C-alpha atoms as a PDB file:
ATOM      1  CA  MET A   1      -0.096   0.105  -0.106  1.00  0.00           C
ATOM      2  CA  GLY A   2       2.284   2.873  -1.209  1.00  0.00           C
ATOM      3  CA  GLY A   3       1.422   5.896  -2.840  1.00  0.00           C
ATOM      4  CA  ASP A   4      -0.701   4.352  -5.392  1.00  0.00           C
ATOM      5  CA  LEU A   5      -4.171   6.207  -5.775  1.00  0.00           C
ATOM      6  CA  SER A   6      -5.357   3.063  -8.348  1.00  0.00           C
ATOM      7  CA  SER A   7      -5.394   0.883  -5.598  1.00  0.00           C
ATOM      8  CA  LEU A   8      -7.495   3.035  -3.570  1.00  0.00           C
ATOM      9  CA  SER A   9     -10.245   3.670  -6.489  1.00  0.00           C
ATOM     10  CA  ILE A  10     -11.938   0.325  -6.263  1.00  0.00           C
ATOM     11  CA  PRO A  11     -13.097   0.637  -2.588  1.00  0.00           C
ATOM     12  CA  LEU A  12     -14.151   4.051  -3.025  1.00  0.00           C
ATOM     13  CA  TRP A  13     -16.188   3.135  -6.140  1.00  0.00           C
ATOM     14  CA  ILE A  14     -17.611   0.322  -3.941  1.00  0.00           C
ATOM     15  CA  MET A  15     -18.273   3.198  -1.135  1.00  0.00           C
ATOM     16  CA  ALA A  16     -19.485   5.337  -3.420  1.00  0.00           C
ATOM     17  CA  VAL A  17     -22.270   2.887  -5.279  1.00  0.00           C
ATOM     18  CA  LEU A  18     -23.178   1.413  -1.707  1.00  0.00           C
ATOM     19  CA  SER A  19     -23.998   5.091  -0.545  1.00  0.00           C
ATOM     20  CA  VAL A  20     -26.128   5.844  -3.718  1.00  0.00           C
ATOM     21  CA  LEU A  21     -27.927   2.506  -3.098  1.00  0.00           C
ATOM     22  CA  GLN A  22     -28.332   3.744   0.619  1.00  0.00           C
ATOM     23  CA  ALA A  23     -29.579   6.928  -0.781  1.00  0.00           C
ATOM     24  CA  LEU A  24     -32.155   4.797  -3.338  1.00  0.00           C
ATOM     25  CA  LEU A  25     -33.090   2.751  -0.511  1.00  0.00           C
ATOM     26  CA  LEU A  26     -33.826   5.309   2.013  1.00  0.00           C
ATOM     27  CA  ILE A  27     -35.758   7.901  -0.930  1.00  0.00           C
ATOM     28  CA  GLY A  28     -37.661   4.270  -1.160  1.00  0.00           C
ATOM     29  CA  VAL A  29     -38.233   3.846   2.190  1.00  0.00           C
ATOM     30  CA  GLY A  30     -39.844   7.267   2.377  1.00  0.00           C
ATOM     31  CA  VAL A  31     -42.313   7.018  -0.738  1.00  0.00           C
ATOM     32  CA  ALA A  32     -43.525   3.497   0.812  1.00  0.00           C
ATOM     33  CA  GLY A  33     -44.287   5.251   3.778  1.00  0.00           C
ATOM     34  CA  TYR A  34     -45.545   8.391   2.134  1.00  0.00           C
ATOM     35  CA  LEU A  35     -48.121   5.563   0.419  1.00  0.00           C
ATOM     36  CA  VAL A  36     -48.933   3.815   3.773  1.00  0.00           C
ATOM     37  CA  TYR A  37     -49.719   7.056   5.585  1.00  0.00           C
ATOM     38  CA  SER A  38     -51.813   8.066   2.507  1.00  0.00           C
ATOM     39  CA  ARG A  39     -53.393   4.629   2.527  1.00  0.00           C
ATOM     40  CA  VAL A  40     -54.357   4.664   6.499  1.00  0.00           C
ATOM     41  CA  MET A  41     -55.760   8.376   5.838  1.00  0.00           C
ATOM     42  CA  THR A  42     -57.935   7.165   3.083  1.00  0.00           C
ATOM     43  CA  LEU A  43     -59.354   4.403   5.199  1.00  0.00           C
ATOM     44  CA  ILE A  44     -59.492   6.575   8.541  1.00  0.00           C
ATOM     45  CA  ASN A  45     -61.402   9.034   6.314  1.00  0.00           C
ATOM     46  CA  ASP A  46     -63.789   6.339   4.988  1.00  0.00           C
ATOM     47  CA  LEU A  47     -64.509   4.354   8.347  1.00  0.00           C
ATOM     48  CA  GLU A  48     -65.358   7.843   9.570  1.00  0.00           C
ATOM     49  CA  ALA A  49     -67.612   8.708   6.905  1.00  0.00           C
ATOM     50  CA  ARG A  50     -69.544   5.328   6.888  1.00  0.00           C
ATOM     51  CA  GLN A  51     -69.377   4.632  10.531  1.00  0.00           C
ATOM     52  CA  ILE A  52     -68.718   7.676  12.984  1.00  0.00           C
ATOM     53  CA  ALA A  53     -70.838  10.357  11.074  1.00  0.00           C
ATOM     54  CA  PRO A  54     -73.930   8.732  11.196  1.00  0.00           C
ATOM     55  CA  LEU A  55     -73.412   7.643  14.884  1.00  0.00           C
ATOM     56  CA  ARG A  56     -72.477  11.315  15.684  1.00  0.00           C
ATOM     57  CA  GLU A  57     -75.685  12.188  13.950  1.00  0.00           C
ATOM     58  CA  LYS A  58     -77.824   9.787  16.541  1.00  0.00           C
ATOM     59  CA  VAL A  59     -75.845  10.940  19.082  1.00  0.00           C
ATOM     60  CA  ASP A  60     -76.904  14.568  18.100  1.00  0.00           C
ATOM     61  CA  ALA A  61     -80.344  13.656  17.845  1.00  0.00           C
ATOM     62  CA  ILE A  62     -80.584  11.956  21.270  1.00  0.00           C
ATOM     63  CA  LEU A  63     -79.037  15.045  22.663  1.00  0.00           C
ATOM     64  CA  ALA A  64     -81.573  17.187  21.445  1.00  0.00           C
ATOM     65  CA  ASP A  65     -84.225  14.867  22.535  1.00  0.00           C
ATOM     66  CA  VAL A  66     -82.497  14.631  26.300  1.00  0.00           C
ATOM     67  CA  LYS A  67     -82.241  18.730  25.945  1.00  0.00           C
ATOM     68  CA  GLY A  68     -85.825  18.871  25.189  1.00  0.00           C
ATOM     69  CA  ILE A  69     -87.108  16.566  27.788  1.00  0.00           C
ATOM     70  CA  THR A  70     -84.874  18.230  30.569  1.00  0.00           C
ATOM     71  CA  ALA A  71     -86.182  21.657  29.695  1.00  0.00           C
ATOM     72  CA  ARG A  72     -90.050  20.184  29.494  1.00  0.00           C
ATOM     73  CA  VAL A  73     -89.069  18.602  32.992  1.00  0.00           C
ATOM     74  CA  SER A  74     -87.624  21.822  34.326  1.00  0.00           C
ATOM     75  CA  GLN A  75     -90.885  23.817  32.900  1.00  0.00           C
ATOM     76  CA  GLN A  76     -93.394  21.189  34.537  1.00  0.00           C
ATOM     77  CA  THR A  77     -91.074  21.009  38.004  1.00  0.00           C
ATOM     78  CA  GLU A  78     -91.527  24.696  38.417  1.00  0.00           C
ATOM     79  CA  ARG A  79     -94.947  24.521  37.705  1.00  0.00           C
ATOM     80  CA  VAL A  80     -95.648  22.081  40.595  1.00  0.00           C
ATOM     81  CA  ASP A  81     -93.405  24.220  42.757  1.00  0.00           C
ATOM     82  CA  GLN A  82     -95.621  26.785  42.146  1.00  0.00           C
ATOM     83  CA  ALA A  83     -98.722  24.697  42.649  1.00  0.00           C
ATOM     84  CA  ILE A  84     -97.466  23.407  45.775  1.00  0.00           C
ATOM     85  CA  THR A  85     -96.499  26.859  47.207  1.00  0.00           C
ATOM     86  CA  GLY A  86     -99.805  28.350  46.729  1.00  0.00           C
ATOM     87  CA  THR A  87    -101.475  25.516  48.164  1.00  0.00           C
ATOM     88  CA  ILE A  88     -99.668  25.541  51.143  1.00  0.00           C
ATOM     89  CA  ASP A  89    -100.239  29.172  51.349  1.00  0.00           C
ATOM     90  CA  ARG A  90    -103.853  28.441  51.152  1.00  0.00           C
ATOM     91  CA  VAL A  91    -104.087  25.779  53.215  1.00  0.00           C
ATOM     92  CA  ASP A  92    -101.881  28.213  55.990  1.00  0.00           C
ATOM     93  CA  ASN A  93    -104.310  31.056  55.374  1.00  0.00           C
ATOM     94  CA  THR A  94    -107.307  28.473  55.642  1.00  0.00           C
ATOM     95  CA  ALA A  95    -105.848  26.878  58.749  1.00  0.00           C
ATOM     96  CA  GLU A  96    -105.609  30.739  60.200  1.00  0.00           C
ATOM     97  CA  ARG A  97    -109.326  31.592  59.766  1.00  0.00           C
ATOM     98  CA  VAL A  98    -110.202  28.010  61.039  1.00  0.00           C
ATOM     99  CA  ARG A  99    -107.977  28.865  63.963  1.00  0.00           C
ATOM    100  CA  ALA A 100    -109.312  32.068  64.391  1.00  0.00           C
ATOM    101  CA  GLY A 101    -112.951  31.367  64.274  1.00  0.00           C
ATOM    102  CA  VAL A 102    -112.482  28.113  66.669  1.00  0.00           C
ATOM    103  CA  HIS A 103    -110.457  30.565  68.992  1.00  0.00           C
ATOM    104  CA  ASP A 104    -113.627  33.130  68.687  1.00  0.00           C
ATOM    105  CA  LYS A 105    -116.305  30.538  69.267  1.00  0.00           C
ATOM    106  CA  VAL A 106    -114.777  29.092  72.298  1.00  0.00           C
ATOM    107  CA  SER A 107    -113.859  32.267  73.590  1.00  0.00           C
ATOM    108  CA  GLN A 108    -117.723  33.004  73.531  1.00  0.00           C
ATOM    109  CA  ALA A 109    -118.840  29.346  74.665  1.00  0.00           C
ATOM    110  CA  ALA A 110    -116.385  30.192  78.036  1.00  0.00           C
ATOM    111  CA  GLY A 111    -118.003  33.502  78.339  1.00  0.00           C
ATOM    112  CA  VAL A 112    -121.459  32.063  78.526  1.00  0.00           C
ATOM    113  CA  MET A 113    -120.054  29.484  80.929  1.00  0.00           C
ATOM    114  CA  ARG A 114    -118.324  31.831  83.207  1.00  0.00           C
ATOM    115  CA  GLY A 115    -121.800  33.787  83.082  1.00  0.00           C
ATOM    116  CA  VAL A 116    -123.799  30.349  84.103  1.00  0.00           C
ATOM    117  CA  ARG A 117    -121.532  29.634  86.326  1.00  0.00           C
ATOM    118  CA  ALA A 118    -121.230  33.659  87.833  1.00  0.00           C
ATOM    119  CA  VAL A 119    -125.466  33.185  87.854  1.00  0.00           C
ATOM    120  CA  ILE A 120    -125.449  29.912  89.826  1.00  0.00           C
ATOM    121  CA  MET A 121    -122.640  31.293  92.489  1.00  0.00           C
ATOM    122  CA  SER A 122    -124.720  33.953  93.048  1.00  0.00           C
ATOM    123  CA  LEU A 123    -127.806  31.877  93.498  1.00  0.00           C
ATOM    124  CA  LEU A 124    -126.102  29.728  95.752  1.00  0.00           C
ATOM    125  CA  HIS A 125    -124.613  31.929  97.595  1.00  0.00           C
ATOM    126  CA  LYS A 126    -127.799  33.696  98.161  1.00  0.00           C
ATOM    127  CA  GLU A 127    -129.525  31.014  99.028  1.00  0.00           C
ATOM    128  CA  SER A 128    -126.702  29.997 102.058  1.00  0.00           C
ATOM    129  CA  HIS A 129    -127.037  33.223 103.553  1.00  0.00           C
ATOM    130  CA  ALA A 130    -130.993  33.340 103.720  1.00  0.00           C
END
């Protein structure tokens, strides 16, 4: 291995050819990767169009129905709450009037009873003095 350059040219040519082959291999892997990527994306888009889009439409319709039902339930709950509140207010008002009426009647009856007792006591008291 003296200073002869011709002995180095064959290994250099081999390395150059191998470098070109590696470059071609890397380009081929890149192209194959792009083709696989594009096929996978096409498959995903097709799957989404055939399977996911109709399912999403059904879910959206169900959610719209649930939203409508929830709004109606909320409205009916508010109406029931107002009806119960109104009924309780009327019952309280009626109970107060009944209590006031009963109190008046009991007071009148107690007054009459006290008067009768006073008359009886006064009659008994007069007879005991006579």
